[in-house]
Amino acid sequence: MPVTPSPADDVELAARLGIDVERIAVLRRRPGVALVALLDGSAPVAFGAFDPAFPGIYPACVASPDVARSLLEACRPHARHDHANVTVEGNRALYAALSAAGAELRHALYRMGASI
């Protein structure tokens, strides 16, 4: 079931889907970005931050690739275009599922961090 997650949901989304809770907070502050989560019962199984102006979903996080289509469909009501760019980070199974469904790789990225 698609829902708009509240700030109270951020810790559980982060823990279950491997997202930094601070990153969700930053996404929440971006104007025009729609946050979408999918629940299985009360447990989050997918999360995406959809920016219809780009258009893109960043990040696209799923517990299993079989919910990817549902995440995209949950973003559709916010869309202004008939396509979206989807950012997949560290989830080879999601990448493979999207590719098998016809998505094209446009850019390969590395998300890195280091002490400064």
PDB file of N, CA and C in Angstrom:
ATOM      1  N   MET A   1       0.837  -1.167   0.000  1.00  0.00           N
ATOM      2  CA  MET A   1       0.000   0.000   0.000  1.00  0.00           C
ATOM      3  C   MET A   1       0.892   1.244   0.000  1.00  0.00           C
ATOM      4  N   PRO A   2       0.708   2.166  -0.952  1.00  0.00           N
ATOM      5  CA  PRO A   2       1.521   3.391  -0.967  1.00  0.00           C
ATOM      6  C   PRO A   2       1.039   4.392   0.079  1.00  0.00           C
ATOM      7  N   VAL A   3       2.000   5.027   0.743  1.00  0.00           N
ATOM      8  CA  VAL A   3       1.710   6.058   1.730  1.00  0.00           C
ATOM      9  C   VAL A   3       2.728   7.180   1.586  1.00  0.00           C
ATOM     10  N   THR A   4       2.371   8.328   2.117  1.00  0.00           N
ATOM     11  CA  THR A   4       3.325   9.421   2.261  1.00  0.00           C
ATOM     12  C   THR A   4       3.897   9.306   3.664  1.00  0.00           C
ATOM     13  N   PRO A   5       5.163   8.966   3.782  1.00  0.00           N
ATOM     14  CA  PRO A   5       5.718   8.763   5.118  1.00  0.00           C
ATOM     15  C   PRO A   5       5.833  10.081   5.884  1.00  0.00           C
ATOM     16  N   SER A   6       5.606  10.000   7.183  1.00  0.00           N
ATOM     17  CA  SER A   6       5.760  11.174   8.040  1.00  0.00           C
ATOM     18  C   SER A   6       7.169  11.165   8.628  1.00  0.00           C
ATOM     19  N   PRO A   7       7.610  12.278   9.201  1.00  0.00           N
ATOM     20  CA  PRO A   7       8.923  12.293   9.843  1.00  0.00           C
ATOM     21  C   PRO A   7       9.062  11.209  10.920  1.00  0.00           C
ATOM     22  N   ALA A   8       7.971  10.825  11.543  1.00  0.00           N
ATOM     23  CA  ALA A   8       8.016   9.773  12.564  1.00  0.00           C
ATOM     24  C   ALA A   8       8.377   8.415  11.962  1.00  0.00           C
ATOM     25  N   ASP A   9       8.221   8.257  10.651  1.00  0.00           N
ATOM     26  CA  ASP A   9       8.533   6.998   9.968  1.00  0.00           C
ATOM     27  C   ASP A   9       9.992   6.894   9.535  1.00  0.00           C
ATOM     28  N   ASP A  10      10.730   7.985   9.599  1.00  0.00           N
ATOM     29  CA  ASP A  10      12.068   8.035   9.009  1.00  0.00           C
ATOM     30  C   ASP A  10      13.040   7.015   9.594  1.00  0.00           C
ATOM     31  N   VAL A  11      13.026   6.832  10.902  1.00  0.00           N
ATOM     32  CA  VAL A  11      13.972   5.903  11.532  1.00  0.00           C
ATOM     33  C   VAL A  11      13.711   4.474  11.043  1.00  0.00           C
ATOM     34  N   GLU A  12      12.450   4.069  10.966  1.00  0.00           N
ATOM     35  CA  GLU A  12      12.145   2.716  10.503  1.00  0.00           C
ATOM     36  C   GLU A  12      12.455   2.560   9.016  1.00  0.00           C
ATOM     37  N   LEU A  13      12.125   3.560   8.196  1.00  0.00           N
ATOM     38  CA  LEU A  13      12.482   3.504   6.772  1.00  0.00           C
ATOM     39  C   LEU A  13      13.984   3.323   6.617  1.00  0.00           C
ATOM     40  N   ALA A  14      14.734   4.113   7.356  1.00  0.00           N
ATOM     41  CA  ALA A  14      16.193   4.056   7.268  1.00  0.00           C
ATOM     42  C   ALA A  14      16.704   2.673   7.664  1.00  0.00           C
ATOM     43  N   ALA A  15      16.210   2.157   8.756  1.00  0.00           N
ATOM     44  CA  ALA A  15      16.690   0.867   9.256  1.00  0.00           C
ATOM     45  C   ALA A  15      16.325  -0.280   8.318  1.00  0.00           C
ATOM     46  N   ARG A  16      15.113  -0.289   7.823  1.00  0.00           N
ATOM     47  CA  ARG A  16      14.650  -1.420   6.996  1.00  0.00           C
ATOM     48  C   ARG A  16      15.185  -1.382   5.576  1.00  0.00           C
ATOM     49  N   LEU A  17      15.447  -0.169   5.049  1.00  0.00           N
ATOM     50  CA  LEU A  17      15.807  -0.063   3.640  1.00  0.00           C
ATOM     51  C   LEU A  17      17.232   0.441   3.415  1.00  0.00           C
ATOM     52  N   GLY A  18      17.999   0.583   4.474  1.00  0.00           N
ATOM     53  CA  GLY A  18      19.403   0.935   4.334  1.00  0.00           C
ATOM     54  C   GLY A  18      19.663   2.345   3.844  1.00  0.00           C
ATOM     55  N   ILE A  19      18.860   3.285   4.321  1.00  0.00           N
ATOM     56  CA  ILE A  19      19.030   4.695   3.954  1.00  0.00           C
ATOM     57  C   ILE A  19      19.471   5.443   5.207  1.00  0.00           C
ATOM     58  N   ASP A  20      20.317   6.435   5.061  1.00  0.00           N
ATOM     59  CA  ASP A  20      20.676   7.270   6.201  1.00  0.00           C
ATOM     60  C   ASP A  20      19.463   8.109   6.594  1.00  0.00           C
ATOM     61  N   VAL A  21      19.140   8.120   7.867  1.00  0.00           N
ATOM     62  CA  VAL A  21      17.984   8.875   8.333  1.00  0.00           C
ATOM     63  C   VAL A  21      18.164  10.373   8.039  1.00  0.00           C
ATOM     64  N   GLU A  22      19.405  10.843   8.097  1.00  0.00           N
ATOM     65  CA  GLU A  22      19.668  12.255   7.786  1.00  0.00           C
ATOM     66  C   GLU A  22      19.357  12.560   6.322  1.00  0.00           C
ATOM     67  N   ARG A  23      19.610  11.606   5.463  1.00  0.00           N
ATOM     68  CA  ARG A  23      19.336  11.781   4.031  1.00  0.00           C
ATOM     69  C   ARG A  23      17.838  11.920   3.781  1.00  0.00           C
ATOM     70  N   ILE A  24      17.047  11.132   4.495  1.00  0.00           N
ATOM     71  CA  ILE A  24      15.593  11.253   4.362  1.00  0.00           C
ATOM     72  C   ILE A  24      15.155  12.642   4.805  1.00  0.00           C
ATOM     73  N   ALA A  25      15.728  13.142   5.887  1.00  0.00           N
ATOM     74  CA  ALA A  25      15.381  14.478   6.376  1.00  0.00           C
ATOM     75  C   ALA A  25      15.704  15.546   5.335  1.00  0.00           C
ATOM     76  N   VAL A  26      16.840  15.412   4.664  1.00  0.00           N
ATOM     77  CA  VAL A  26      17.212  16.373   3.618  1.00  0.00           C
ATOM     78  C   VAL A  26      16.218  16.295   2.456  1.00  0.00           C
ATOM     79  N   LEU A  27      15.872  15.087   2.039  1.00  0.00           N
ATOM     80  CA  LEU A  27      14.912  14.913   0.947  1.00  0.00           C
ATOM     81  C   LEU A  27      13.560  15.508   1.313  1.00  0.00           C
ATOM     82  N   ARG A  28      13.172  15.364   2.560  1.00  0.00           N
ATOM     83  CA  ARG A  28      11.887  15.875   3.036  1.00  0.00           C
ATOM     84  C   ARG A  28      11.810  17.397   2.914  1.00  0.00           C
ATOM     85  N   ARG A  29      12.959  18.065   3.023  1.00  0.00           N
ATOM     86  CA  ARG A  29      12.983  19.541   2.958  1.00  0.00           C
ATOM     87  C   ARG A  29      13.013  20.089   1.524  1.00  0.00           C
ATOM     88  N   ARG A  30      13.196  19.232   0.535  1.00  0.00           N
ATOM     89  CA  ARG A  30      13.282  19.720  -0.847  1.00  0.00           C
ATOM     90  C   ARG A  30      11.893  20.076  -1.372  1.00  0.00           C
ATOM     91  N   PRO A  31      11.709  21.305  -1.844  1.00  0.00           N
ATOM     92  CA  PRO A  31      10.400  21.714  -2.344  1.00  0.00           C
ATOM     93  C   PRO A  31      10.009  20.921  -3.592  1.00  0.00           C
ATOM     94  N   GLY A  32       8.758  20.517  -3.648  1.00  0.00           N
ATOM     95  CA  GLY A  32       8.232  19.830  -4.825  1.00  0.00           C
ATOM     96  C   GLY A  32       8.510  18.347  -4.878  1.00  0.00           C
ATOM     97  N   VAL A  33       9.298  17.812  -3.950  1.00  0.00           N
ATOM     98  CA  VAL A  33       9.630  16.391  -3.956  1.00  0.00           C
ATOM     99  C   VAL A  33       8.560  15.625  -3.183  1.00  0.00           C
ATOM    100  N   ALA A  34       8.051  14.563  -3.807  1.00  0.00           N
ATOM    101  CA  ALA A  34       7.045  13.704  -3.173  1.00  0.00           C
ATOM    102  C   ALA A  34       7.743  12.478  -2.592  1.00  0.00           C
ATOM    103  N   LEU A  35       7.603  12.271  -1.304  1.00  0.00           N
ATOM    104  CA  LEU A  35       8.133  11.070  -0.671  1.00  0.00           C
ATOM    105  C   LEU A  35       7.059   9.998  -0.721  1.00  0.00           C
ATOM    106  N   VAL A  36       7.456   8.814  -1.147  1.00  0.00           N
ATOM    107  CA  VAL A  36       6.523   7.700  -1.308  1.00  0.00           C
ATOM    108  C   VAL A  36       7.117   6.481  -0.625  1.00  0.00           C
ATOM    109  N   ALA A  37       6.298   5.803   0.157  1.00  0.00           N
ATOM    110  CA  ALA A  37       6.718   4.545   0.778  1.00  0.00           C
ATOM    111  C   ALA A  37       5.655   3.497   0.500  1.00  0.00           C
ATOM    112  N   LEU A  38       6.082   2.259   0.395  1.00  0.00           N
ATOM    113  CA  LEU A  38       5.159   1.131   0.268  1.00  0.00           C
ATOM    114  C   LEU A  38       5.261   0.312   1.540  1.00  0.00           C
ATOM    115  N   LEU A  39       4.114  -0.120   2.020  1.00  0.00           N
ATOM    116  CA  LEU A  39       4.059  -0.922   3.235  1.00  0.00           C
ATOM    117  C   LEU A  39       3.525  -2.303   2.934  1.00  0.00           C
ATOM    118  N   ASP A  40       4.066  -3.270   3.632  1.00  0.00           N
ATOM    119  CA  ASP A  40       3.515  -4.621   3.673  1.00  0.00           C
ATOM    120  C   ASP A  40       3.044  -4.783   5.108  1.00  0.00           C
ATOM    121  N   GLY A  41       1.749  -4.637   5.329  1.00  0.00           N
ATOM    122  CA  GLY A  41       1.243  -4.519   6.693  1.00  0.00           C
ATOM    123  C   GLY A  41       1.690  -3.171   7.210  1.00  0.00           C
ATOM    124  N   SER A  42       2.468  -3.162   8.271  1.00  0.00           N
ATOM    125  CA  SER A  42       2.994  -1.897   8.783  1.00  0.00           C
ATOM    126  C   SER A  42       4.481  -1.731   8.478  1.00  0.00           C
ATOM    127  N   ALA A  43       5.073  -2.732   7.829  1.00  0.00           N
ATOM    128  CA  ALA A  43       6.508  -2.690   7.546  1.00  0.00           C
ATOM    129  C   ALA A  43       6.798  -2.038   6.199  1.00  0.00           C
ATOM    130  N   PRO A  44       7.714  -1.048   6.154  1.00  0.00           N
ATOM    131  CA  PRO A  44       8.085  -0.458   4.869  1.00  0.00           C
ATOM    132  C   PRO A  44       8.875  -1.445   4.012  1.00  0.00           C
ATOM    133  N   VAL A  45       8.499  -1.531   2.728  1.00  0.00           N
ATOM    134  CA  VAL A  45       9.198  -2.415   1.786  1.00  0.00           C
ATOM    135  C   VAL A  45       9.777  -1.642   0.605  1.00  0.00           C
ATOM    136  N   ALA A  46       9.470  -0.355   0.518  1.00  0.00           N
ATOM    137  CA  ALA A  46      10.027   0.475  -0.556  1.00  0.00           C
ATOM    138  C   ALA A  46       9.930   1.938  -0.157  1.00  0.00           C
ATOM    139  N   PHE A  47      10.855   2.723  -0.699  1.00  0.00           N
ATOM    140  CA  PHE A  47      10.867   4.162  -0.465  1.00  0.00           C
ATOM    141  C   PHE A  47      11.464   4.840  -1.682  1.00  0.00           C
ATOM    142  N   GLY A  48      10.882   5.953  -2.057  1.00  0.00           N
ATOM    143  CA  GLY A  48      11.436   6.763  -3.125  1.00  0.00           C
ATOM    144  C   GLY A  48      11.119   8.221  -2.900  1.00  0.00           C
ATOM    145  N   ALA A  49      12.021   9.074  -3.311  1.00  0.00           N
ATOM    146  CA  ALA A  49      11.798  10.516  -3.305  1.00  0.00           C
ATOM    147  C   ALA A  49      11.670  10.919  -4.766  1.00  0.00           C
ATOM    148  N   PHE A  50      10.466  11.288  -5.176  1.00  0.00           N
ATOM    149  CA  PHE A  50      10.183  11.578  -6.581  1.00  0.00           C
ATOM    150  C   PHE A  50      10.130  13.079  -6.805  1.00  0.00           C
ATOM    151  N   ASP A  51      10.986  13.552  -7.694  1.00  0.00           N
ATOM    152  CA  ASP A  51      10.993  14.963  -8.094  1.00  0.00           C
ATOM    153  C   ASP A  51      10.384  15.050  -9.482  1.00  0.00           C
ATOM    154  N   PRO A  52       9.128  15.492  -9.591  1.00  0.00           N
ATOM    155  CA  PRO A  52       8.471  15.531 -10.895  1.00  0.00           C
ATOM    156  C   PRO A  52       9.083  16.535 -11.861  1.00  0.00           C
ATOM    157  N   ALA A  53       9.809  17.519 -11.361  1.00  0.00           N
ATOM    158  CA  ALA A  53      10.423  18.510 -12.241  1.00  0.00           C
ATOM    159  C   ALA A  53      11.633  17.941 -12.957  1.00  0.00           C
ATOM    160  N   PHE A  54      12.312  16.966 -12.368  1.00  0.00           N
ATOM    161  CA  PHE A  54      13.534  16.427 -12.977  1.00  0.00           C
ATOM    162  C   PHE A  54      13.244  15.612 -14.230  1.00  0.00           C
ATOM    163  N   PRO A  55      12.443  14.681 -14.375  1.00  0.00           N
ATOM    164  CA  PRO A  55      11.748  13.875 -13.381  1.00  0.00           C
ATOM    165  C   PRO A  55      12.631  12.715 -12.934  1.00  0.00           C
ATOM    166  N   GLY A  56      12.576  12.419 -11.644  1.00  0.00           N
ATOM    167  CA  GLY A  56      13.394  11.316 -11.181  1.00  0.00           C
ATOM    168  C   GLY A  56      13.057  10.845  -9.789  1.00  0.00           C
ATOM    169  N   ILE A  57      13.431   9.604  -9.530  1.00  0.00           N
ATOM    170  CA  ILE A  57      13.266   8.993  -8.216  1.00  0.00           C
ATOM    171  C   ILE A  57      14.668   8.771  -7.660  1.00  0.00           C
ATOM    172  N   TYR A  58      14.972   9.492  -6.580  1.00  0.00           N
ATOM    173  CA  TYR A  58      16.280   9.395  -5.939  1.00  0.00           C
ATOM    174  C   TYR A  58      16.126   9.557  -4.441  1.00  0.00           C
ATOM    175  N   PRO A  59      16.440   8.570  -3.702  1.00  0.00           N
ATOM    176  CA  PRO A  59      16.835   7.231  -4.090  1.00  0.00           C
ATOM    177  C   PRO A  59      15.603   6.352  -4.320  1.00  0.00           C
ATOM    178  N   ALA A  60      15.815   5.246  -5.000  1.00  0.00           N
ATOM    179  CA  ALA A  60      14.789   4.213  -5.136  1.00  0.00           C
ATOM    180  C   ALA A  60      15.282   3.028  -4.314  1.00  0.00           C
ATOM    181  N   CYS A  61      14.633   2.781  -3.197  1.00  0.00           N
ATOM    182  CA  CYS A  61      15.061   1.735  -2.274  1.00  0.00           C
ATOM    183  C   CYS A  61      13.946   0.712  -2.125  1.00  0.00           C
ATOM    184  N   VAL A  62      14.279  -0.545  -2.292  1.00  0.00           N
ATOM    185  CA  VAL A  62      13.290  -1.612  -2.167  1.00  0.00           C
ATOM    186  C   VAL A  62      13.868  -2.762  -1.351  1.00  0.00           C
ATOM    187  N   ALA A  63      12.994  -3.405  -0.589  1.00  0.00           N
ATOM    188  CA  ALA A  63      13.404  -4.585   0.163  1.00  0.00           C
ATOM    189  C   ALA A  63      13.585  -5.770  -0.778  1.00  0.00           C
ATOM    190  N   SER A  64      12.828  -5.753  -1.877  1.00  0.00           N
ATOM    191  CA  SER A  64      12.874  -6.824  -2.871  1.00  0.00           C
ATOM    192  C   SER A  64      12.525  -6.230  -4.227  1.00  0.00           C
ATOM    193  N   PRO A  65      13.163  -6.684  -5.300  1.00  0.00           N
ATOM    194  CA  PRO A  65      12.883  -6.098  -6.620  1.00  0.00           C
ATOM    195  C   PRO A  65      11.443  -6.283  -7.089  1.00  0.00           C
ATOM    196  N   ASP A  66      10.714  -7.231  -6.508  1.00  0.00           N
ATOM    197  CA  ASP A  66       9.340  -7.441  -6.966  1.00  0.00           C
ATOM    198  C   ASP A  66       8.396  -6.312  -6.566  1.00  0.00           C
ATOM    199  N   VAL A  67       8.828  -5.371  -5.730  1.00  0.00           N
ATOM    200  CA  VAL A  67       7.978  -4.219  -5.396  1.00  0.00           C
ATOM    201  C   VAL A  67       8.360  -2.968  -6.189  1.00  0.00           C
ATOM    202  N   ALA A  68       9.351  -3.081  -7.068  1.00  0.00           N
ATOM    203  CA  ALA A  68       9.811  -1.921  -7.842  1.00  0.00           C
ATOM    204  C   ALA A  68       8.690  -1.335  -8.693  1.00  0.00           C
ATOM    205  N   ARG A  69       7.942  -2.184  -9.369  1.00  0.00           N
ATOM    206  CA  ARG A  69       6.848  -1.697 -10.214  1.00  0.00           C
ATOM    207  C   ARG A  69       5.825  -0.919  -9.380  1.00  0.00           C
ATOM    208  N   SER A  70       5.513  -1.439  -8.210  1.00  0.00           N
ATOM    209  CA  SER A  70       4.557  -0.758  -7.336  1.00  0.00           C
ATOM    210  C   SER A  70       5.083   0.602  -6.879  1.00  0.00           C
ATOM    211  N   LEU A  71       6.395   0.704  -6.636  1.00  0.00           N
ATOM    212  CA  LEU A  71       6.987   1.988  -6.267  1.00  0.00           C
ATOM    213  C   LEU A  71       6.849   2.986  -7.411  1.00  0.00           C
ATOM    214  N   LEU A  72       7.148   2.539  -8.635  1.00  0.00           N
ATOM    215  CA  LEU A  72       7.001   3.424  -9.797  1.00  0.00           C
ATOM    216  C   LEU A  72       5.545   3.850  -9.981  1.00  0.00           C
ATOM    217  N   GLU A  73       4.625   2.921  -9.816  1.00  0.00           N
ATOM    218  CA  GLU A  73       3.198   3.240  -9.951  1.00  0.00           C
ATOM    219  C   GLU A  73       2.734   4.216  -8.871  1.00  0.00           C
ATOM    220  N   ALA A  74       3.302   4.104  -7.673  1.00  0.00           N
ATOM    221  CA  ALA A  74       2.941   5.023  -6.594  1.00  0.00           C
ATOM    222  C   ALA A  74       3.446   6.441  -6.866  1.00  0.00           C
ATOM    223  N   CYS A  75       4.506   6.562  -7.656  1.00  0.00           N
ATOM    224  CA  CYS A  75       5.035   7.875  -8.028  1.00  0.00           C
ATOM    225  C   CYS A  75       4.262   8.496  -9.192  1.00  0.00           C
ATOM    226  N   ARG A  76       3.617   7.670  -9.992  1.00  0.00           N
ATOM    227  CA  ARG A  76       2.933   8.143 -11.202  1.00  0.00           C
ATOM    228  C   ARG A  76       1.953   9.305 -10.975  1.00  0.00           C
ATOM    229  N   PRO A  77       1.138   9.313  -9.919  1.00  0.00           N
ATOM    230  CA  PRO A  77       0.208  10.436  -9.743  1.00  0.00           C
ATOM    231  C   PRO A  77       0.885  11.802  -9.630  1.00  0.00           C
ATOM    232  N   HIS A  78       2.162  11.819  -9.276  1.00  0.00           N
ATOM    233  CA  HIS A  78       2.908  13.072  -9.138  1.00  0.00           C
ATOM    234  C   HIS A  78       3.598  13.484 -10.442  1.00  0.00           C
ATOM    235  N   ALA A  79       3.579  12.605 -11.438  1.00  0.00           N
ATOM    236  CA  ALA A  79       4.373  12.798 -12.661  1.00  0.00           C
ATOM    237  C   ALA A  79       3.794  13.862 -13.583  1.00  0.00           C
ATOM    238  N   ARG A  80       4.699  14.562 -14.240  1.00  0.00           N
ATOM    239  CA  ARG A  80       4.345  15.513 -15.298  1.00  0.00           C
ATOM    240  C   ARG A  80       4.812  15.003 -16.656  1.00  0.00           C
ATOM    241  N   HIS A  81       5.582  13.931 -16.657  1.00  0.00           N
ATOM    242  CA  HIS A  81       6.140  13.350 -17.876  1.00  0.00           C
ATOM    243  C   HIS A  81       5.812  11.865 -17.905  1.00  0.00           C
ATOM    244  N   ASP A  82       6.014  11.228 -19.041  1.00  0.00           N
ATOM    245  CA  ASP A  82       5.720   9.796 -19.151  1.00  0.00           C
ATOM    246  C   ASP A  82       6.954   8.930 -18.900  1.00  0.00           C
ATOM    247  N   HIS A  83       8.008   9.516 -18.369  1.00  0.00           N
ATOM    248  CA  HIS A  83       9.210   8.751 -18.040  1.00  0.00           C
ATOM    249  C   HIS A  83       9.799   9.315 -16.752  1.00  0.00           C
ATOM    250  N   ALA A  84      10.703   8.556 -16.157  1.00  0.00           N
ATOM    251  CA  ALA A  84      11.412   9.021 -14.961  1.00  0.00           C
ATOM    252  C   ALA A  84      12.807   8.414 -14.946  1.00  0.00           C
ATOM    253  N   ASN A  85      13.724   9.148 -14.395  1.00  0.00           N
ATOM    254  CA  ASN A  85      15.068   8.645 -14.140  1.00  0.00           C
ATOM    255  C   ASN A  85      15.038   8.007 -12.749  1.00  0.00           C
ATOM    256  N   VAL A  86      15.578   6.832 -12.627  1.00  0.00           N
ATOM    257  CA  VAL A  86      15.548   6.100 -11.364  1.00  0.00           C
ATOM    258  C   VAL A  86      16.989   5.857 -10.922  1.00  0.00           C
ATOM    259  N   THR A  87      17.324   6.293  -9.716  1.00  0.00           N
ATOM    260  CA  THR A  87      18.660   6.087  -9.184  1.00  0.00           C
ATOM    261  C   THR A  87      18.659   4.858  -8.284  1.00  0.00           C
ATOM    262  N   VAL A  88      19.462   3.879  -8.670  1.00  0.00           N
ATOM    263  CA  VAL A  88      19.602   2.629  -7.920  1.00  0.00           C
ATOM    264  C   VAL A  88      21.001   2.618  -7.332  1.00  0.00           C
ATOM    265  N   GLU A  89      21.075   2.481  -6.020  1.00  0.00           N
ATOM    266  CA  GLU A  89      22.377   2.478  -5.349  1.00  0.00           C
ATOM    267  C   GLU A  89      22.599   1.144  -4.651  1.00  0.00           C
ATOM    268  N   GLY A  90      23.605   0.421  -5.061  1.00  0.00           N
ATOM    269  CA  GLY A  90      24.010  -0.775  -4.359  1.00  0.00           C
ATOM    270  C   GLY A  90      22.996  -1.896  -4.321  1.00  0.00           C
ATOM    271  N   ASN A  91      22.096  -1.931  -5.275  1.00  0.00           N
ATOM    272  CA  ASN A  91      21.082  -2.988  -5.289  1.00  0.00           C
ATOM    273  C   ASN A  91      21.092  -3.632  -6.668  1.00  0.00           C
ATOM    274  N   ARG A  92      21.962  -4.604  -6.835  1.00  0.00           N
ATOM    275  CA  ARG A  92      22.138  -5.279  -8.122  1.00  0.00           C
ATOM    276  C   ARG A  92      20.846  -5.947  -8.593  1.00  0.00           C
ATOM    277  N   ALA A  93      20.081  -6.523  -7.653  1.00  0.00           N
ATOM    278  CA  ALA A  93      18.829  -7.200  -8.025  1.00  0.00           C
ATOM    279  C   ALA A  93      17.810  -6.203  -8.577  1.00  0.00           C
ATOM    280  N   LEU A  94      17.729  -5.010  -7.987  1.00  0.00           N
ATOM    281  CA  LEU A  94      16.814  -3.987  -8.500  1.00  0.00           C
ATOM    282  C   LEU A  94      17.268  -3.519  -9.875  1.00  0.00           C
ATOM    283  N   TYR A  95      18.567  -3.294 -10.020  1.00  0.00           N
ATOM    284  CA  TYR A  95      19.108  -2.910 -11.333  1.00  0.00           C
ATOM    285  C   TYR A  95      18.742  -3.960 -12.383  1.00  0.00           C
ATOM    286  N   ALA A  96      18.924  -5.228 -12.060  1.00  0.00           N
ATOM    287  CA  ALA A  96      18.622  -6.305 -13.015  1.00  0.00           C
ATOM    288  C   ALA A  96      17.132  -6.349 -13.344  1.00  0.00           C
ATOM    289  N   ALA A  97      16.280  -6.168 -12.351  1.00  0.00           N
ATOM    290  CA  ALA A  97      14.837  -6.201 -12.590  1.00  0.00           C
ATOM    291  C   ALA A  97      14.395  -5.041 -13.476  1.00  0.00           C
ATOM    292  N   LEU A  98      14.905  -3.845 -13.216  1.00  0.00           N
ATOM    293  CA  LEU A  98      14.546  -2.688 -14.043  1.00  0.00           C
ATOM    294  C   LEU A  98      15.073  -2.864 -15.467  1.00  0.00           C
ATOM    295  N   SER A  99      16.287  -3.367 -15.607  1.00  0.00           N
ATOM    296  CA  SER A  99      16.852  -3.615 -16.935  1.00  0.00           C
ATOM    297  C   SER A  99      16.026  -4.637 -17.695  1.00  0.00           C
ATOM    298  N   ALA A 100      15.621  -5.697 -17.020  1.00  0.00           N
ATOM    299  CA  ALA A 100      14.811  -6.741 -17.660  1.00  0.00           C
ATOM    300  C   ALA A 100      13.453  -6.198 -18.098  1.00  0.00           C
ATOM    301  N   ALA A 101      12.964  -5.166 -17.398  1.00  0.00           N
ATOM    302  CA  ALA A 101      11.676  -4.565 -17.747  1.00  0.00           C
ATOM    303  C   ALA A 101      11.806  -3.499 -18.832  1.00  0.00           C
ATOM    304  N   GLY A 102      13.048  -3.241 -19.296  1.00  0.00           N
ATOM    305  CA  GLY A 102      13.242  -2.300 -20.397  1.00  0.00           C
ATOM    306  C   GLY A 102      13.917  -0.992 -20.034  1.00  0.00           C
ATOM    307  N   ALA A 103      14.267  -0.796 -18.777  1.00  0.00           N
ATOM    308  CA  ALA A 103      14.965   0.437 -18.390  1.00  0.00           C
ATOM    309  C   ALA A 103      16.366   0.430 -18.984  1.00  0.00           C
ATOM    310  N   GLU A 104      16.839   1.612 -19.364  1.00  0.00           N
ATOM    311  CA  GLU A 104      18.169   1.760 -19.946  1.00  0.00           C
ATOM    312  C   GLU A 104      19.118   2.392 -18.938  1.00  0.00           C
ATOM    313  N   LEU A 105      20.328   1.864 -18.850  1.00  0.00           N
ATOM    314  CA  LEU A 105      21.356   2.472 -18.018  1.00  0.00           C
ATOM    315  C   LEU A 105      21.823   3.749 -18.708  1.00  0.00           C
ATOM    316  N   ARG A 106      21.691   4.882 -18.030  1.00  0.00           N
ATOM    317  CA  ARG A 106      22.124   6.161 -18.584  1.00  0.00           C
ATOM    318  C   ARG A 106      23.457   6.600 -18.006  1.00  0.00           C
ATOM    319  N   HIS A 107      23.636   6.392 -16.716  1.00  0.00           N
ATOM    320  CA  HIS A 107      24.873   6.784 -16.040  1.00  0.00           C
ATOM    321  C   HIS A 107      25.165   5.766 -14.944  1.00  0.00           C
ATOM    322  N   ALA A 108      26.401   5.357 -14.836  1.00  0.00           N
ATOM    323  CA  ALA A 108      26.842   4.533 -13.713  1.00  0.00           C
ATOM    324  C   ALA A 108      27.530   5.471 -12.728  1.00  0.00           C
ATOM    325  N   LEU A 109      27.104   5.450 -11.480  1.00  0.00           N
ATOM    326  CA  LEU A 109      27.620   6.356 -10.462  1.00  0.00           C
ATOM    327  C   LEU A 109      28.203   5.566  -9.305  1.00  0.00           C
ATOM    328  N   TYR A 110      29.116   6.194  -8.599  1.00  0.00           N
ATOM    329  CA  TYR A 110      29.643   5.647  -7.364  1.00  0.00           C
ATOM    330  C   TYR A 110      29.362   6.658  -6.266  1.00  0.00           C
ATOM    331  N   ARG A 111      28.669   6.233  -5.232  1.00  0.00           N
ATOM    332  CA  ARG A 111      28.435   7.103  -4.083  1.00  0.00           C
ATOM    333  C   ARG A 111      29.508   6.779  -3.069  1.00  0.00           C
ATOM    334  N   MET A 112      30.348   7.748  -2.783  1.00  0.00           N
ATOM    335  CA  MET A 112      31.504   7.509  -1.915  1.00  0.00           C
ATOM    336  C   MET A 112      31.507   8.527  -0.776  1.00  0.00           C
ATOM    337  N   GLY A 113      32.157   8.178   0.294  1.00  0.00           N
ATOM    338  CA  GLY A 113      32.323   9.075   1.418  1.00  0.00           C
ATOM    339  C   GLY A 113      33.726   8.952   1.958  1.00  0.00           C
ATOM    340  N   ALA A 114      34.201   9.996   2.596  1.00  0.00           N
ATOM    341  CA  ALA A 114      35.543   9.975   3.179  1.00  0.00           C
ATOM    342  C   ALA A 114      35.613  11.012   4.290  1.00  0.00           C
ATOM    343  N   SER A 115      36.534  10.818   5.196  1.00  0.00           N
ATOM    344  CA  SER A 115      36.779  11.797   6.241  1.00  0.00           C
ATOM    345  C   SER A 115      37.440  13.027   5.631  1.00  0.00           C
ATOM    346  N   ILE A 116      37.087  14.188   6.164  1.00  0.00           N
ATOM    347  CA  ILE A 116      37.755  15.418   5.710  1.00  0.00           C
ATOM    348  C   ILE A 116      38.305  16.170   6.899  1.00  0.00           C
TER     349      ILE A 116
END
